[in-house]
């Protein structure tokens, strides 16, 4: 088994290739312990400003998260939750 297959196996299982020109690396399967493990092992998340499957997954997750935060704080559409690393 190749290193890439053991570290980034979800790419092959989903039939995806990942290339990021900004130098942002794709997270390894080993970097997703605990509650995030299923989410990160079942999806390939990429730059949300592109048009490809990994970007679509990221955009959908961000939008669901924003809606959840708004609902938690009883917010309306007048607010737009933002996050930063």
PDB file of N, CA and C in Angstrom:
ATOM      1  N   UNK A   1       0.852  -1.171   0.000  1.00  0.00           N
ATOM      2  CA  UNK A   1       0.000   0.000   0.000  1.00  0.00           C
ATOM      3  C   UNK A   1       0.900   1.237   0.000  1.00  0.00           C
ATOM      4  N   UNK A   2       0.601   2.178  -0.847  1.00  0.00           N
ATOM      5  CA  UNK A   2       1.414   3.392  -0.932  1.00  0.00           C
ATOM      6  C   UNK A   2       1.117   4.314   0.239  1.00  0.00           C
ATOM      7  N   UNK A   3       2.061   5.194   0.504  1.00  0.00           N
ATOM      8  CA  UNK A   3       1.878   6.174   1.582  1.00  0.00           C
ATOM      9  C   UNK A   3       0.670   7.065   1.296  1.00  0.00           C
ATOM     10  N   UNK A   4       0.558   7.515   0.053  1.00  0.00           N
ATOM     11  CA  UNK A   4      -0.568   8.388  -0.304  1.00  0.00           C
ATOM     12  C   UNK A   4      -1.896   7.682  -0.082  1.00  0.00           C
ATOM     13  N   UNK A   5      -1.973   6.416  -0.415  1.00  0.00           N
ATOM     14  CA  UNK A   5      -3.220   5.677  -0.246  1.00  0.00           C
ATOM     15  C   UNK A   5      -3.555   5.497   1.228  1.00  0.00           C
ATOM     16  N   UNK A   6      -2.534   5.291   2.061  1.00  0.00           N
ATOM     17  CA  UNK A   6      -2.811   5.091   3.482  1.00  0.00           C
ATOM     18  C   UNK A   6      -3.084   6.410   4.203  1.00  0.00           C
ATOM     19  N   UNK A   7      -2.519   7.514   3.722  1.00  0.00           N
ATOM     20  CA  UNK A   7      -2.693   8.806   4.389  1.00  0.00           C
ATOM     21  C   UNK A   7      -3.883   9.586   3.831  1.00  0.00           C
ATOM     22  N   UNK A   8      -4.146   9.419   2.532  1.00  0.00           N
ATOM     23  CA  UNK A   8      -5.238  10.157   1.871  1.00  0.00           C
ATOM     24  C   UNK A   8      -6.182   9.196   1.151  1.00  0.00           C
ATOM     25  N   UNK A   9      -6.520   8.114   1.786  1.00  0.00           N
ATOM     26  CA  UNK A   9      -7.340   7.086   1.171  1.00  0.00           C
ATOM     27  C   UNK A   9      -8.704   7.560   0.699  1.00  0.00           C
ATOM     28  N   UNK A  10      -9.251   8.583   1.331  1.00  0.00           N
ATOM     29  CA  UNK A  10     -10.580   9.056   0.944  1.00  0.00           C
ATOM     30  C   UNK A  10     -10.588   9.643  -0.466  1.00  0.00           C
ATOM     31  N   UNK A  11      -9.449  10.129  -0.932  1.00  0.00           N
ATOM     32  CA  UNK A  11      -9.399  10.643  -2.306  1.00  0.00           C
ATOM     33  C   UNK A  11      -9.702   9.529  -3.301  1.00  0.00           C
ATOM     34  N   UNK A  12      -9.037   8.409  -3.134  1.00  0.00           N
ATOM     35  CA  UNK A  12      -9.263   7.276  -4.038  1.00  0.00           C
ATOM     36  C   UNK A  12     -10.672   6.716  -3.879  1.00  0.00           C
ATOM     37  N   UNK A  13     -11.137   6.592  -2.653  1.00  0.00           N
ATOM     38  CA  UNK A  13     -12.465   6.009  -2.438  1.00  0.00           C
ATOM     39  C   UNK A  13     -13.571   6.878  -3.024  1.00  0.00           C
ATOM     40  N   UNK A  14     -13.330   8.185  -3.136  1.00  0.00           N
ATOM     41  CA  UNK A  14     -14.324   9.100  -3.704  1.00  0.00           C
ATOM     42  C   UNK A  14     -14.019   9.471  -5.148  1.00  0.00           C
ATOM     43  N   UNK A  15     -12.939   8.911  -5.697  1.00  0.00           N
ATOM     44  CA  UNK A  15     -12.583   9.189  -7.085  1.00  0.00           C
ATOM     45  C   UNK A  15     -12.193  10.640  -7.316  1.00  0.00           C
ATOM     46  N   UNK A  16     -11.489  11.235  -6.345  1.00  0.00           N
ATOM     47  CA  UNK A  16     -11.119  12.640  -6.449  1.00  0.00           C
ATOM     48  C   UNK A  16      -9.609  12.808  -6.508  1.00  0.00           C
ATOM     49  N   UNK A  17      -9.210  13.902  -7.096  1.00  0.00           N
ATOM     50  CA  UNK A  17      -7.822  14.365  -7.051  1.00  0.00           C
ATOM     51  C   UNK A  17      -7.868  15.741  -6.409  1.00  0.00           C
ATOM     52  N   UNK A  18      -6.827  16.094  -5.664  1.00  0.00           N
ATOM     53  CA  UNK A  18      -6.832  17.366  -4.956  1.00  0.00           C
ATOM     54  C   UNK A  18      -5.537  18.104  -5.243  1.00  0.00           C
ATOM     55  N   UNK A  19      -5.648  19.336  -5.716  1.00  0.00           N
ATOM     56  CA  UNK A  19      -4.498  20.183  -5.971  1.00  0.00           C
ATOM     57  C   UNK A  19      -4.860  21.589  -5.531  1.00  0.00           C
ATOM     58  N   UNK A  20      -4.039  22.181  -4.676  1.00  0.00           N
ATOM     59  CA  UNK A  20      -4.312  23.517  -4.165  1.00  0.00           C
ATOM     60  C   UNK A  20      -3.118  24.405  -4.494  1.00  0.00           C
ATOM     61  N   UNK A  21      -3.329  25.374  -5.353  1.00  0.00           N
ATOM     62  CA  UNK A  21      -2.245  26.249  -5.789  1.00  0.00           C
ATOM     63  C   UNK A  21      -1.790  27.230  -4.719  1.00  0.00           C
ATOM     64  N   UNK A  22      -2.553  27.377  -3.647  1.00  0.00           N
ATOM     65  CA  UNK A  22      -2.170  28.328  -2.605  1.00  0.00           C
ATOM     66  C   UNK A  22      -1.201  27.712  -1.611  1.00  0.00           C
ATOM     67  N   UNK A  23      -0.902  26.455  -1.767  1.00  0.00           N
ATOM     68  CA  UNK A  23       0.018  25.798  -0.851  1.00  0.00           C
ATOM     69  C   UNK A  23      -0.656  25.234   0.382  1.00  0.00           C
ATOM     70  N   UNK A  24      -1.965  25.302   0.432  1.00  0.00           N
ATOM     71  CA  UNK A  24      -2.700  24.726   1.552  1.00  0.00           C
ATOM     72  C   UNK A  24      -2.753  23.214   1.394  1.00  0.00           C
ATOM     73  N   UNK A  25      -2.240  22.514   2.360  1.00  0.00           N
ATOM     74  CA  UNK A  25      -2.199  21.061   2.268  1.00  0.00           C
ATOM     75  C   UNK A  25      -3.514  20.416   2.651  1.00  0.00           C
ATOM     76  N   UNK A  26      -3.766  19.283   2.083  1.00  0.00           N
ATOM     77  CA  UNK A  26      -4.934  18.491   2.435  1.00  0.00           C
ATOM     78  C   UNK A  26      -4.640  17.760   3.743  1.00  0.00           C
ATOM     79  N   UNK A  27      -5.581  17.735   4.654  1.00  0.00           N
ATOM     80  CA  UNK A  27      -5.384  17.087   5.940  1.00  0.00           C
ATOM     81  C   UNK A  27      -5.292  15.573   5.757  1.00  0.00           C
ATOM     82  N   UNK A  28      -4.401  14.966   6.521  1.00  0.00           N
ATOM     83  CA  UNK A  28      -4.206  13.520   6.469  1.00  0.00           C
ATOM     84  C   UNK A  28      -5.304  12.816   7.252  1.00  0.00           C
ATOM     85  N   UNK A  29      -5.593  11.573   6.870  1.00  0.00           N
ATOM     86  CA  UNK A  29      -6.604  10.793   7.585  1.00  0.00           C
ATOM     87  C   UNK A  29      -6.265  10.671   9.066  1.00  0.00           C
ATOM     88  N   UNK A  30      -4.984  10.603   9.393  1.00  0.00           N
ATOM     89  CA  UNK A  30      -4.560  10.454  10.783  1.00  0.00           C
ATOM     90  C   UNK A  30      -4.802  11.709  11.610  1.00  0.00           C
ATOM     91  N   UNK A  31      -5.068  12.829  10.970  1.00  0.00           N
ATOM     92  CA  UNK A  31      -5.259  14.107  11.677  1.00  0.00           C
ATOM     93  C   UNK A  31      -6.712  14.350  12.047  1.00  0.00           C
ATOM     94  N   UNK A  32      -7.530  13.345  11.968  1.00  0.00           N
ATOM     95  CA  UNK A  32      -8.954  13.552  12.239  1.00  0.00           C
ATOM     96  C   UNK A  32      -9.471  12.612  13.328  1.00  0.00           C
ATOM     97  N   UNK A  33      -8.978  12.779  14.563  1.00  0.00           N
ATOM     98  CA  UNK A  33      -9.455  11.925  15.653  1.00  0.00           C
ATOM     99  C   UNK A  33     -10.773  12.411  16.243  1.00  0.00           C
ATOM    100  N   UNK A  34     -11.372  11.586  17.054  1.00  0.00           N
ATOM    101  CA  UNK A  34     -12.547  11.988  17.818  1.00  0.00           C
ATOM    102  C   UNK A  34     -13.792  12.222  16.993  1.00  0.00           C
ATOM    103  N   UNK A  35     -14.591  13.187  17.444  1.00  0.00           N
ATOM    104  CA  UNK A  35     -15.898  13.450  16.841  1.00  0.00           C
ATOM    105  C   UNK A  35     -15.793  13.878  15.385  1.00  0.00           C
ATOM    106  N   UNK A  36     -14.685  14.516  15.010  1.00  0.00           N
ATOM    107  CA  UNK A  36     -14.529  14.964  13.626  1.00  0.00           C
ATOM    108  C   UNK A  36     -14.149  13.837  12.682  1.00  0.00           C
ATOM    109  N   UNK A  37     -13.749  12.708  13.203  1.00  0.00           N
ATOM    110  CA  UNK A  37     -13.203  11.638  12.382  1.00  0.00           C
ATOM    111  C   UNK A  37     -14.137  11.228  11.244  1.00  0.00           C
ATOM    112  N   UNK A  38     -15.401  10.991  11.529  1.00  0.00           N
ATOM    113  CA  UNK A  38     -16.326  10.576  10.474  1.00  0.00           C
ATOM    114  C   UNK A  38     -16.521  11.669   9.437  1.00  0.00           C
ATOM    115  N   UNK A  39     -16.706  12.883   9.884  1.00  0.00           N
ATOM    116  CA  UNK A  39     -16.906  13.998   8.967  1.00  0.00           C
ATOM    117  C   UNK A  39     -15.706  14.153   8.043  1.00  0.00           C
ATOM    118  N   UNK A  40     -14.516  14.154   8.611  1.00  0.00           N
ATOM    119  CA  UNK A  40     -13.320  14.376   7.811  1.00  0.00           C
ATOM    120  C   UNK A  40     -12.923  13.167   6.982  1.00  0.00           C
ATOM    121  N   UNK A  41     -13.256  11.964   7.427  1.00  0.00           N
ATOM    122  CA  UNK A  41     -12.887  10.787   6.649  1.00  0.00           C
ATOM    123  C   UNK A  41     -13.875  10.518   5.516  1.00  0.00           C
ATOM    124  N   UNK A  42     -15.069  11.077   5.603  1.00  0.00           N
ATOM    125  CA  UNK A  42     -16.083  10.840   4.569  1.00  0.00           C
ATOM    126  C   UNK A  42     -16.125  11.939   3.515  1.00  0.00           C
ATOM    127  N   UNK A  43     -15.417  13.052   3.737  1.00  0.00           N
ATOM    128  CA  UNK A  43     -15.452  14.184   2.812  1.00  0.00           C
ATOM    129  C   UNK A  43     -14.049  14.668   2.508  1.00  0.00           C
ATOM    130  N   UNK A  44     -13.902  15.323   1.399  1.00  0.00           N
ATOM    131  CA  UNK A  44     -12.678  16.033   1.060  1.00  0.00           C
ATOM    132  C   UNK A  44     -13.069  17.503   1.016  1.00  0.00           C
ATOM    133  N   UNK A  45     -12.567  18.278   1.961  1.00  0.00           N
ATOM    134  CA  UNK A  45     -12.913  19.687   2.036  1.00  0.00           C
ATOM    135  C   UNK A  45     -11.808  20.516   1.404  1.00  0.00           C
ATOM    136  N   UNK A  46     -12.203  21.458   0.567  1.00  0.00           N
ATOM    137  CA  UNK A  46     -11.236  22.314  -0.108  1.00  0.00           C
ATOM    138  C   UNK A  46     -11.662  23.759  -0.044  1.00  0.00           C
ATOM    139  N   UNK A  47     -11.003  24.568  -0.813  1.00  0.00           N
ATOM    140  CA  UNK A  47     -11.264  25.998  -0.872  1.00  0.00           C
ATOM    141  C   UNK A  47     -12.707  26.245  -1.317  1.00  0.00           C
ATOM    142  N   UNK A  48     -13.511  26.954  -0.515  1.00  0.00           N
ATOM    143  CA  UNK A  48     -14.911  27.164  -0.890  1.00  0.00           C
ATOM    144  C   UNK A  48     -15.097  28.145  -2.049  1.00  0.00           C
ATOM    145  N   UNK A  49     -14.015  28.723  -2.539  1.00  0.00           N
ATOM    146  CA  UNK A  49     -14.115  29.716  -3.608  1.00  0.00           C
ATOM    147  C   UNK A  49     -13.805  29.114  -4.973  1.00  0.00           C
ATOM    148  N   UNK A  50     -13.881  27.809  -5.088  1.00  0.00           N
ATOM    149  CA  UNK A  50     -13.617  27.121  -6.347  1.00  0.00           C
ATOM    150  C   UNK A  50     -14.865  26.367  -6.780  1.00  0.00           C
ATOM    151  N   UNK A  51     -14.797  25.782  -7.950  1.00  0.00           N
ATOM    152  CA  UNK A  51     -15.936  25.011  -8.462  1.00  0.00           C
ATOM    153  C   UNK A  51     -15.501  23.564  -8.670  1.00  0.00           C
ATOM    154  N   UNK A  52     -15.566  22.768  -7.611  1.00  0.00           N
ATOM    155  CA  UNK A  52     -15.245  21.346  -7.686  1.00  0.00           C
ATOM    156  C   UNK A  52     -15.896  20.649  -6.493  1.00  0.00           C
ATOM    157  N   UNK A  53     -15.909  19.322  -6.476  1.00  0.00           N
ATOM    158  CA  UNK A  53     -16.616  18.606  -5.390  1.00  0.00           C
ATOM    159  C   UNK A  53     -16.123  18.962  -3.983  1.00  0.00           C
ATOM    160  N   UNK A  54     -14.813  19.123  -3.795  1.00  0.00           N
ATOM    161  CA  UNK A  54     -14.331  19.440  -2.444  1.00  0.00           C
ATOM    162  C   UNK A  54     -14.780  20.838  -2.013  1.00  0.00           C
ATOM    163  N   UNK A  55     -14.881  21.745  -2.955  1.00  0.00           N
ATOM    164  CA  UNK A  55     -15.363  23.097  -2.650  1.00  0.00           C
ATOM    165  C   UNK A  55     -16.850  23.099  -2.323  1.00  0.00           C
ATOM    166  N   UNK A  56     -17.603  22.315  -3.054  1.00  0.00           N
ATOM    167  CA  UNK A  56     -19.045  22.217  -2.804  1.00  0.00           C
ATOM    168  C   UNK A  56     -19.303  21.681  -1.402  1.00  0.00           C
ATOM    169  N   UNK A  57     -18.563  20.649  -0.992  1.00  0.00           N
ATOM    170  CA  UNK A  57     -18.718  20.103   0.360  1.00  0.00           C
ATOM    171  C   UNK A  57     -18.413  21.159   1.414  1.00  0.00           C
ATOM    172  N   UNK A  58     -17.356  21.936   1.195  1.00  0.00           N
ATOM    173  CA  UNK A  58     -16.986  22.981   2.149  1.00  0.00           C
ATOM    174  C   UNK A  58     -18.062  24.049   2.232  1.00  0.00           C
ATOM    175  N   UNK A  59     -18.541  24.512   1.084  1.00  0.00           N
ATOM    176  CA  UNK A  59     -19.572  25.552   1.059  1.00  0.00           C
ATOM    177  C   UNK A  59     -20.836  25.087   1.780  1.00  0.00           C
ATOM    178  N   UNK A  60     -21.257  23.860   1.536  1.00  0.00           N
ATOM    179  CA  UNK A  60     -22.453  23.333   2.197  1.00  0.00           C
ATOM    180  C   UNK A  60     -22.259  23.262   3.709  1.00  0.00           C
ATOM    181  N   UNK A  61     -21.085  22.822   4.156  1.00  0.00           N
ATOM    182  CA  UNK A  61     -20.818  22.737   5.594  1.00  0.00           C
ATOM    183  C   UNK A  61     -20.798  24.124   6.227  1.00  0.00           C
ATOM    184  N   UNK A  62     -20.178  25.087   5.572  1.00  0.00           N
ATOM    185  CA  UNK A  62     -20.129  26.460   6.093  1.00  0.00           C
ATOM    186  C   UNK A  62     -21.541  27.036   6.204  1.00  0.00           C
ATOM    187  N   UNK A  63     -22.356  26.840   5.184  1.00  0.00           N
ATOM    188  CA  UNK A  63     -23.725  27.379   5.214  1.00  0.00           C
ATOM    189  C   UNK A  63     -24.568  26.714   6.302  1.00  0.00           C
ATOM    190  N   UNK A  64     -24.426  25.396   6.474  1.00  0.00           N
ATOM    191  CA  UNK A  64     -25.156  24.701   7.551  1.00  0.00           C
ATOM    192  C   UNK A  64     -24.701  25.204   8.916  1.00  0.00           C
ATOM    193  N   UNK A  65     -23.407  25.422   9.064  1.00  0.00           N
ATOM    194  CA  UNK A  65     -22.863  25.912  10.337  1.00  0.00           C
ATOM    195  C   UNK A  65     -23.380  27.314  10.637  1.00  0.00           C
ATOM    196  N   UNK A  66     -23.385  28.183   9.644  1.00  0.00           N
ATOM    197  CA  UNK A  66     -23.915  29.540   9.845  1.00  0.00           C
ATOM    198  C   UNK A  66     -25.381  29.500  10.266  1.00  0.00           C
ATOM    199  N   UNK A  67     -26.167  28.653   9.618  1.00  0.00           N
ATOM    200  CA  UNK A  67     -27.588  28.541   9.959  1.00  0.00           C
ATOM    201  C   UNK A  67     -27.757  28.028  11.387  1.00  0.00           C
ATOM    202  N   UNK A  68     -26.920  27.085  11.809  1.00  0.00           N
ATOM    203  CA  UNK A  68     -26.988  26.547  13.167  1.00  0.00           C
ATOM    204  C   UNK A  68     -26.641  27.608  14.194  1.00  0.00           C
ATOM    205  N   UNK A  69     -25.608  28.407  13.916  1.00  0.00           N
ATOM    206  CA  UNK A  69     -25.220  29.485  14.836  1.00  0.00           C
ATOM    207  C   UNK A  69     -26.337  30.520  14.941  1.00  0.00           C
ATOM    208  N   UNK A  70     -26.909  30.898  13.806  1.00  0.00           N
ATOM    209  CA  UNK A  70     -28.021  31.862  13.831  1.00  0.00           C
ATOM    210  C   UNK A  70     -29.191  31.321  14.641  1.00  0.00           C
ATOM    211  N   UNK A  71     -29.531  30.073  14.433  1.00  0.00           N
ATOM    212  CA  UNK A  71     -30.654  29.475  15.163  1.00  0.00           C
ATOM    213  C   UNK A  71     -30.364  29.437  16.666  1.00  0.00           C
ATOM    214  N   UNK A  72     -29.127  29.107  17.035  1.00  0.00           N
ATOM    215  CA  UNK A  72     -28.757  29.037  18.452  1.00  0.00           C
ATOM    216  C   UNK A  72     -28.961  30.382  19.135  1.00  0.00           C
ATOM    217  N   UNK A  73     -28.612  31.463  18.449  1.00  0.00           N
ATOM    218  CA  UNK A  73     -28.738  32.794  19.028  1.00  0.00           C
ATOM    219  C   UNK A  73     -30.046  33.493  18.657  1.00  0.00           C
ATOM    220  N   UNK A  74     -30.989  32.725  18.096  1.00  0.00           N
ATOM    221  CA  UNK A  74     -32.264  33.278  17.652  1.00  0.00           C
ATOM    222  C   UNK A  74     -32.055  34.465  16.710  1.00  0.00           C
ATOM    223  N   UNK A  75     -31.055  34.353  15.862  1.00  0.00           N
ATOM    224  CA  UNK A  75     -30.727  35.420  14.929  1.00  0.00           C
ATOM    225  C   UNK A  75     -31.616  35.390  13.703  1.00  0.00           C
ATOM    226  N   UNK A  76     -31.558  36.461  12.972  1.00  0.00           N
ATOM    227  CA  UNK A  76     -32.328  36.561  11.730  1.00  0.00           C
ATOM    228  C   UNK A  76     -31.354  36.693  10.567  1.00  0.00           C
ATOM    229  N   UNK A  77     -31.887  36.761   9.368  1.00  0.00           N
ATOM    230  CA  UNK A  77     -31.070  36.901   8.183  1.00  0.00           C
ATOM    231  C   UNK A  77     -30.296  38.198   8.125  1.00  0.00           C
ATOM    232  N   UNK A  78     -30.597  39.119   9.037  1.00  0.00           N
ATOM    233  CA  UNK A  78     -29.885  40.394   9.052  1.00  0.00           C
ATOM    234  C   UNK A  78     -28.447  40.209   9.547  1.00  0.00           C
ATOM    235  N   UNK A  79     -28.160  39.077  10.217  1.00  0.00           N
ATOM    236  CA  UNK A  79     -26.818  38.772  10.714  1.00  0.00           C
ATOM    237  C   UNK A  79     -26.193  37.697   9.854  1.00  0.00           C
ATOM    238  N   UNK A  80     -24.888  37.762   9.698  1.00  0.00           N
ATOM    239  CA  UNK A  80     -24.153  36.766   8.931  1.00  0.00           C
ATOM    240  C   UNK A  80     -22.940  36.324   9.742  1.00  0.00           C
ATOM    241  N   UNK A  81     -23.046  35.194  10.445  1.00  0.00           N
ATOM    242  CA  UNK A  81     -21.930  34.728  11.285  1.00  0.00           C
ATOM    243  C   UNK A  81     -20.661  34.526  10.453  1.00  0.00           C
ATOM    244  N   UNK A  82     -19.550  34.934  11.005  1.00  0.00           N
ATOM    245  CA  UNK A  82     -18.242  34.775  10.365  1.00  0.00           C
ATOM    246  C   UNK A  82     -17.341  33.984  11.289  1.00  0.00           C
ATOM    247  N   UNK A  83     -16.361  33.317  10.717  1.00  0.00           N
ATOM    248  CA  UNK A  83     -15.390  32.594  11.519  1.00  0.00           C
ATOM    249  C   UNK A  83     -14.000  32.940  11.017  1.00  0.00           C
ATOM    250  N   UNK A  84     -13.034  32.719  11.862  1.00  0.00           N
ATOM    251  CA  UNK A  84     -11.644  32.905  11.478  1.00  0.00           C
ATOM    252  C   UNK A  84     -10.811  31.864  12.205  1.00  0.00           C
ATOM    253  N   UNK A  85      -9.692  31.503  11.607  1.00  0.00           N
ATOM    254  CA  UNK A  85      -8.854  30.459  12.237  1.00  0.00           C
ATOM    255  C   UNK A  85      -8.227  30.940  13.518  1.00  0.00           C
TER     256      UNK A  85
END
